[in-house]
Amino acid sequence: MPKAMAFDPFQPLPASSAPDFEDGDATTRDGVYVFDDERIVLAVNVALATRRPLLVFGPPGSGKSTLAPNVARYLGRVCHTEVITARTEPEDLLWRFDALRRLNDAQIRKVAPTIGAYCAQGVLWKAFDPYRTVPGPADKQPAAVAYGRHTGPAPQSVVLIDEIDKADPDLPNSLLVPLDTLRFTGPDGEEVRARPGAEPLVVITSNNERELPAPFVRRCILLSLEAPDRTHLLKVARSHLGAHYDESMAEQVADHLLRIANEAASTAGPSTAEFLDTLRACHELGVTAGSHTWDLVVEVALSKGRGSARTHE
């Protein structure tokens, strides 16, 4: 690998894996991610160097959604997450307007003078400028945003925009300017921009369920993940389970997972998380491979009706 990589998962984690903000989006500290593909590490570093979004494609279970929070852990950054649905509006990533609160204020004749008083920060606003204050309610006093009580340099962050292909096609196009310039216009006409030296890493995932607009894709660094193979599954199990790792059990569950995935080629096979759930269940319950209980555990935790593969066949 080239020298001077900003992101190097093969070095020890920083003493503090993320800023200690009281933010529900902050990344967890107990995750494990196996970075055994140098393409992943290189793609993250290219995205950091170019300040371009990292667009990650891959089948379910390939580790798309868990990549961003684990990169944040290694970089010592906070992670903000937005899971996209068919109902997600483009503005939701910038701010959310609370129409109900404004209606309540109108009923008691205490409407705030600005729209911004009724807007909550979206993930991009939090990542670009977490220290910005927003107008308060009808008393016209400024109210600090969630990070307002903290001083010092703005915290660096990672933004996860998960499953963007589930959104209306207009959503990716609406992100062209904010992601390209790292700035946007707020609800009251103010400019919100990323602070120099604190530009976020934006990770966007797609299941390839819908083709994304070409101009959007051109502005991203692309990374395509493959479904995990047997070697990778065993590395993941070893990393997560530690002293509880049973190689023989892990091999049998991995083989069963791959058999199910092959038979259910037209649908999503079991994920890595389901693989780990099965191993943890077998360990906690003292289940041995080949037993009737083993069949049941694998059926409810891994197979789940996918394909026709069963452990006793």
Protein backbone atom coordinates (compact mmCIF):
# COMPACT_ATOMS: atom_id res chain seq x y z
CA MET A 1 0.00 0.00 0.00
CA PRO A 2 1.19 3.59 -0.62
CA LYS A 3 2.69 5.55 2.23
CA ALA A 4 1.05 8.37 4.19
CA MET A 5 -2.41 6.84 4.24
CA ALA A 6 -4.82 8.90 6.34
CA PHE A 7 -6.88 5.78 6.99
CA ASP A 8 -4.87 2.76 8.12
CA PRO A 9 -6.96 0.05 9.84
CA PHE A 10 -3.85 -2.03 10.44
CA GLN A 11 -2.61 0.43 13.06
CA PRO A 12 -3.97 0.41 16.65
CA LEU A 13 -7.21 2.27 17.23
CA PRO A 14 -6.79 5.80 18.62
CA ALA A 15 -7.16 6.13 22.39
CA SER A 16 -10.53 7.79 21.86
CA SER A 17 -12.26 6.18 18.89
CA ALA A 18 -14.72 9.06 18.43
CA PRO A 19 -15.42 12.48 19.99
CA ASP A 20 -17.47 12.09 23.17
CA PHE A 21 -20.56 13.98 22.05
CA GLU A 22 -24.01 13.19 23.38
CA ASP A 23 -25.33 12.50 19.90
CA GLY A 24 -27.58 9.59 19.05
CA ASP A 25 -25.82 9.25 15.69
CA ALA A 26 -22.37 8.83 17.23
CA THR A 27 -20.62 5.68 16.11
CA THR A 28 -20.44 2.76 18.51
CA ARG A 29 -17.10 1.65 19.87
CA ASP A 30 -17.63 -2.10 20.01
CA GLY A 31 -17.83 -2.89 16.30
CA VAL A 32 -15.40 -5.10 14.43
CA TYR A 33 -14.71 -4.89 10.70
CA VAL A 34 -12.30 -7.15 8.85
CA PHE A 35 -10.34 -5.00 6.38
CA ASP A 36 -8.83 -7.87 4.39
CA ASP A 37 -9.36 -6.28 0.98
CA GLU A 38 -6.81 -3.58 0.12
CA ARG A 39 -9.29 -2.10 -2.39
CA ILE A 40 -11.47 -0.98 0.52
CA VAL A 41 -8.62 0.73 2.33
CA LEU A 42 -7.42 2.41 -0.86
CA ALA A 43 -10.91 3.59 -1.84
CA VAL A 44 -11.44 5.17 1.59
CA ASN A 45 -8.11 6.99 1.32
CA VAL A 46 -8.87 8.19 -2.21
CA ALA A 47 -12.21 9.57 -0.98
CA LEU A 48 -10.44 11.34 1.89
CA ALA A 49 -7.75 12.76 -0.39
CA THR A 50 -10.19 14.02 -3.03
CA ARG A 51 -12.96 15.03 -0.59
CA ARG A 52 -15.38 13.10 -2.80
CA PRO A 53 -18.19 10.85 -1.53
CA LEU A 54 -17.45 7.13 -1.43
CA LEU A 55 -20.22 5.28 -3.26
CA VAL A 56 -20.31 1.64 -2.15
CA PHE A 57 -22.13 -1.03 -4.15
CA GLY A 58 -22.62 -4.63 -3.05
CA PRO A 59 -25.13 -7.34 -2.23
CA PRO A 60 -26.82 -7.51 1.19
CA GLY A 61 -24.42 -8.85 3.80
CA SER A 62 -21.29 -7.62 2.06
CA GLY A 63 -20.54 -5.03 4.76
CA LYS A 64 -21.67 -1.83 3.03
CA SER A 65 -23.56 -0.31 5.95
CA THR A 66 -21.00 -1.23 8.61
CA LEU A 67 -18.06 0.19 6.67
CA ALA A 68 -18.72 3.85 7.50
CA PRO A 69 -19.04 3.55 11.31
CA ASN A 70 -15.94 1.38 11.48
CA VAL A 71 -13.94 3.81 9.34
CA ALA A 72 -15.11 6.51 11.76
CA ARG A 73 -13.78 4.47 14.68
CA TYR A 74 -10.33 4.22 13.15
CA LEU A 75 -10.27 7.89 12.19
CA GLY A 76 -11.53 8.98 15.62
CA ARG A 77 -14.56 10.66 14.09
CA VAL A 78 -18.25 10.87 14.95
CA CYS A 79 -20.58 9.07 12.53
CA HIS A 80 -23.96 10.44 11.40
CA THR A 81 -26.36 8.04 9.71
CA GLU A 82 -29.40 8.51 7.47
CA VAL A 83 -31.18 5.38 6.25
CA ILE A 84 -32.96 6.26 3.01
CA THR A 85 -36.53 5.16 2.30
CA ALA A 86 -38.97 5.84 -0.51
CA ARG A 87 -40.38 8.67 1.65
CA THR A 88 -37.06 10.46 2.19
CA GLU A 89 -37.10 13.98 0.78
CA PRO A 90 -33.94 15.68 -0.53
CA GLU A 91 -34.14 18.35 2.17
CA ASP A 92 -34.19 15.72 4.93
CA LEU A 93 -30.43 15.31 4.58
CA LEU A 94 -29.98 19.05 5.11
CA TRP A 95 -32.71 19.91 7.63
CA ARG A 96 -36.19 18.85 8.72
CA PHE A 97 -39.03 21.31 9.12
CA ASP A 98 -41.25 20.71 12.16
CA ALA A 99 -44.64 21.82 10.82
CA LEU A 100 -46.49 20.61 13.92
CA ARG A 101 -44.46 22.77 16.30
CA ARG A 102 -44.99 25.81 14.10
CA LEU A 103 -48.74 25.11 14.00
CA ASN A 104 -48.82 24.85 17.79
CA ASP A 105 -46.99 28.17 18.09
CA ALA A 106 -49.40 29.76 15.62
CA GLN A 107 -52.36 28.64 17.71
CA ILE A 108 -50.97 30.42 20.76
CA ARG A 109 -49.78 33.40 18.68
CA LYS A 110 -46.08 32.86 19.41
CA VAL A 111 -44.73 32.10 15.97
CA ALA A 112 -40.95 32.49 15.67
CA PRO A 113 -39.80 35.13 13.17
CA THR A 114 -37.83 32.69 11.02
CA ILE A 115 -38.45 29.28 9.44
CA GLY A 116 -35.10 28.11 10.75
CA ALA A 117 -36.46 28.18 14.29
CA TYR A 118 -38.55 25.15 13.37
CA CYS A 119 -35.83 23.21 11.54
CA ALA A 120 -33.70 20.43 12.95
CA GLN A 121 -30.30 19.73 11.45
CA GLY A 122 -29.97 16.89 8.97
CA VAL A 123 -26.91 14.68 8.78
CA LEU A 124 -25.09 16.89 6.26
CA TRP A 125 -25.69 20.02 8.31
CA LYS A 126 -24.38 18.25 11.42
CA ALA A 127 -21.31 17.14 9.51
CA PHE A 128 -20.64 20.44 7.74
CA ASP A 129 -21.08 22.88 10.61
CA PRO A 130 -22.14 21.37 13.96
CA TYR A 131 -21.32 24.58 15.86
CA ARG A 132 -23.74 26.81 13.96
CA THR A 133 -26.55 28.22 16.10
CA VAL A 134 -30.13 28.31 14.94
CA PRO A 135 -32.80 30.87 15.92
CA GLY A 136 -34.72 30.01 19.04
CA PRO A 137 -38.51 29.84 19.40
CA ALA A 138 -40.81 32.82 19.70
CA ASP A 139 -38.68 34.47 22.40
CA LYS A 140 -36.23 35.29 19.56
CA GLN A 141 -33.28 34.13 21.66
CA PRO A 142 -30.66 32.01 19.86
CA ALA A 143 -30.68 28.35 20.78
CA ALA A 144 -27.44 26.42 20.44
CA VAL A 145 -27.47 23.28 18.35
CA ALA A 146 -26.57 19.92 19.85
CA TYR A 147 -22.83 20.57 19.76
CA GLY A 148 -23.05 24.22 20.76
CA ARG A 149 -21.78 23.71 24.30
CA HIS A 150 -18.46 22.32 23.00
CA THR A 151 -15.51 24.55 22.26
CA GLY A 152 -12.43 24.14 20.13
CA PRO A 153 -12.06 22.95 16.54
CA ALA A 154 -15.14 21.57 14.82
CA PRO A 155 -15.26 17.77 15.12
CA GLN A 156 -14.51 15.73 12.03
CA SER A 157 -17.16 13.26 10.99
CA VAL A 158 -18.22 10.46 8.71
CA VAL A 159 -21.69 10.58 7.13
CA LEU A 160 -23.45 7.36 6.11
CA ILE A 161 -26.25 7.76 3.57
CA ASP A 162 -27.54 4.20 3.49
CA GLU A 163 -29.40 2.60 0.55
CA ILE A 164 -29.70 5.68 -1.63
CA ASP A 165 -31.17 3.59 -4.46
CA LYS A 166 -34.42 3.32 -2.47
CA ALA A 167 -35.01 7.05 -2.85
CA ASP A 168 -36.76 8.98 -5.57
CA PRO A 169 -34.35 9.66 -8.48
CA ASP A 170 -34.46 13.37 -7.64
CA LEU A 171 -32.68 12.80 -4.33
CA PRO A 172 -29.22 11.92 -5.74
CA ASN A 173 -29.44 14.86 -8.15
CA SER A 174 -30.34 17.20 -5.29
CA LEU A 175 -27.08 16.25 -3.56
CA LEU A 176 -24.85 17.22 -6.50
CA VAL A 177 -24.15 20.75 -5.30
CA PRO A 178 -23.89 20.11 -1.51
CA LEU A 179 -21.53 17.17 -1.99
CA ASP A 180 -19.50 18.84 -4.75
CA THR A 181 -19.03 22.20 -2.99
CA LEU A 182 -19.47 21.09 0.64
CA ARG A 183 -21.95 23.88 1.18
CA PHE A 184 -25.68 24.56 0.87
CA THR A 185 -28.22 27.27 1.61
CA GLY A 186 -30.05 26.90 4.92
CA PRO A 187 -33.78 27.41 5.52
CA ASP A 188 -33.35 31.12 6.27
CA GLY A 189 -31.03 31.78 3.34
CA GLU A 190 -27.83 31.45 5.34
CA GLU A 191 -24.86 29.59 3.92
CA VAL A 192 -23.90 26.35 5.66
CA ARG A 193 -20.45 25.14 4.67
CA ALA A 194 -17.94 22.58 5.86
CA ARG A 195 -15.26 24.15 7.99
CA PRO A 196 -11.75 24.03 6.49
CA GLY A 197 -9.85 21.08 7.87
CA ALA A 198 -13.03 19.43 9.13
CA GLU A 199 -14.52 18.26 5.83
CA PRO A 200 -16.58 15.08 6.37
CA LEU A 201 -16.12 11.74 4.68
CA VAL A 202 -19.47 10.91 3.06
CA VAL A 203 -20.15 7.21 2.47
CA ILE A 204 -23.18 6.33 0.31
CA THR A 205 -24.39 2.77 -0.14
CA SER A 206 -26.49 1.19 -2.88
CA ASN A 207 -27.93 -2.28 -3.41
CA ASN A 208 -28.10 -1.59 -7.15
CA GLU A 209 -31.89 -1.83 -7.07
CA ARG A 210 -32.15 1.31 -9.21
CA GLU A 211 -29.63 2.92 -11.56
CA LEU A 212 -28.22 6.12 -10.14
CA PRO A 213 -27.91 9.29 -12.28
CA ALA A 214 -24.66 9.41 -14.22
CA PRO A 215 -23.71 12.95 -13.03
CA PHE A 216 -24.04 11.78 -9.45
CA VAL A 217 -21.92 8.68 -9.99
CA ARG A 218 -19.21 10.73 -11.74
CA ARG A 219 -18.79 12.85 -8.61
CA CYS A 220 -18.15 9.82 -6.40
CA ILE A 221 -15.31 7.43 -5.69
CA LEU A 222 -16.67 3.97 -6.48
CA LEU A 223 -16.16 0.80 -4.46
CA SER A 224 -17.84 -2.50 -5.30
CA LEU A 225 -17.97 -5.14 -2.56
CA GLU A 226 -18.44 -8.82 -3.24
CA ALA A 227 -20.46 -11.31 -1.22
CA PRO A 228 -18.18 -12.76 1.49
CA ASP A 229 -16.36 -15.98 0.67
CA ARG A 230 -15.48 -18.78 3.10
CA THR A 231 -12.10 -17.35 4.05
CA HIS A 232 -13.54 -13.95 4.82
CA LEU A 233 -16.40 -15.42 6.88
CA LEU A 234 -13.94 -17.34 9.04
CA LYS A 235 -11.82 -14.22 9.56
CA VAL A 236 -14.91 -12.30 10.61
CA ALA A 237 -15.95 -15.04 13.04
CA ARG A 238 -12.47 -15.20 14.54
CA SER A 239 -12.34 -11.41 14.98
CA HIS A 240 -15.79 -11.13 16.55
CA LEU A 241 -15.86 -14.21 18.75
CA GLY A 242 -12.33 -14.19 20.11
CA ALA A 243 -11.89 -16.85 22.78
CA HIS A 244 -15.33 -18.30 21.95
CA TYR A 245 -14.33 -19.00 18.35
CA ASP A 246 -14.87 -22.66 17.38
CA GLU A 247 -13.21 -23.23 14.01
CA SER A 248 -15.00 -26.47 13.26
CA MET A 249 -18.38 -24.94 14.03
CA ALA A 250 -17.55 -21.77 12.05
CA GLU A 251 -16.51 -23.83 9.01
CA GLN A 252 -19.75 -25.82 9.03
CA VAL A 253 -21.94 -22.74 9.40
CA ALA A 254 -19.96 -20.92 6.69
CA ASP A 255 -20.37 -23.87 4.31
CA HIS A 256 -24.09 -23.95 5.01
CA LEU A 257 -24.38 -20.19 4.41
CA LEU A 258 -22.60 -20.46 1.06
CA ARG A 259 -24.81 -23.40 0.06
CA ILE A 260 -27.93 -21.40 0.82
CA ALA A 261 -26.56 -18.39 -1.08
CA ASN A 262 -25.87 -20.52 -4.15
CA GLU A 263 -29.36 -22.07 -4.12
CA ALA A 264 -31.05 -18.71 -3.54
CA ALA A 265 -29.12 -16.97 -6.30
CA SER A 266 -32.11 -14.85 -7.35
CA THR A 267 -32.66 -13.50 -3.85
CA ALA A 268 -30.45 -12.22 -1.05
CA GLY A 269 -28.60 -14.96 0.79
CA PRO A 270 -27.78 -14.91 4.51
CA SER A 271 -25.75 -11.94 5.71
CA THR A 272 -22.56 -11.93 7.73
CA ALA A 273 -24.59 -10.73 10.72
CA GLU A 274 -26.84 -13.82 10.45
CA PHE A 275 -23.73 -15.99 10.24
CA LEU A 276 -22.43 -14.49 13.49
CA ASP A 277 -25.85 -14.79 15.16
CA THR A 278 -25.86 -18.51 14.37
CA LEU A 279 -22.40 -19.03 15.85
CA ARG A 280 -23.21 -17.03 18.97
CA ALA A 281 -26.46 -18.96 19.48
CA CYS A 282 -24.69 -22.30 19.14
CA HIS A 283 -22.05 -21.21 21.65
CA GLU A 284 -24.47 -19.77 24.21
CA LEU A 285 -26.82 -22.77 23.99
CA GLY A 286 -24.09 -25.39 23.89
CA VAL A 287 -25.36 -26.75 20.58
CA THR A 288 -23.19 -29.26 18.70
CA ALA A 289 -23.15 -29.65 14.93
CA GLY A 290 -25.31 -32.43 13.52
CA SER A 291 -27.80 -32.53 16.39
CA HIS A 292 -31.53 -31.93 16.04
CA THR A 293 -31.13 -28.67 17.94
CA TRP A 294 -28.39 -27.66 15.52
CA ASP A 295 -30.83 -28.08 12.63
CA LEU A 296 -33.36 -25.87 14.39
CA VAL A 297 -30.87 -23.15 15.31
CA VAL A 298 -29.53 -22.95 11.77
CA GLU A 299 -33.06 -22.90 10.36
CA VAL A 300 -34.28 -20.02 12.54
CA ALA A 301 -31.05 -17.98 12.59
CA LEU A 302 -29.54 -18.59 9.16
CA SER A 303 -31.70 -20.44 6.62
CA LYS A 304 -35.00 -18.67 7.36
CA GLY A 305 -36.74 -20.43 4.51
CA ARG A 306 -34.20 -19.41 1.87
CA GLY A 307 -33.62 -21.97 -0.86
CA SER A 308 -34.05 -25.68 -0.20
CA ALA A 309 -30.79 -26.31 1.68
CA ARG A 310 -31.19 -27.83 5.12
CA THR A 311 -28.51 -29.14 7.39
CA HIS A 312 -29.92 -32.65 7.57
CA GLU A 313 -30.28 -33.09 3.81
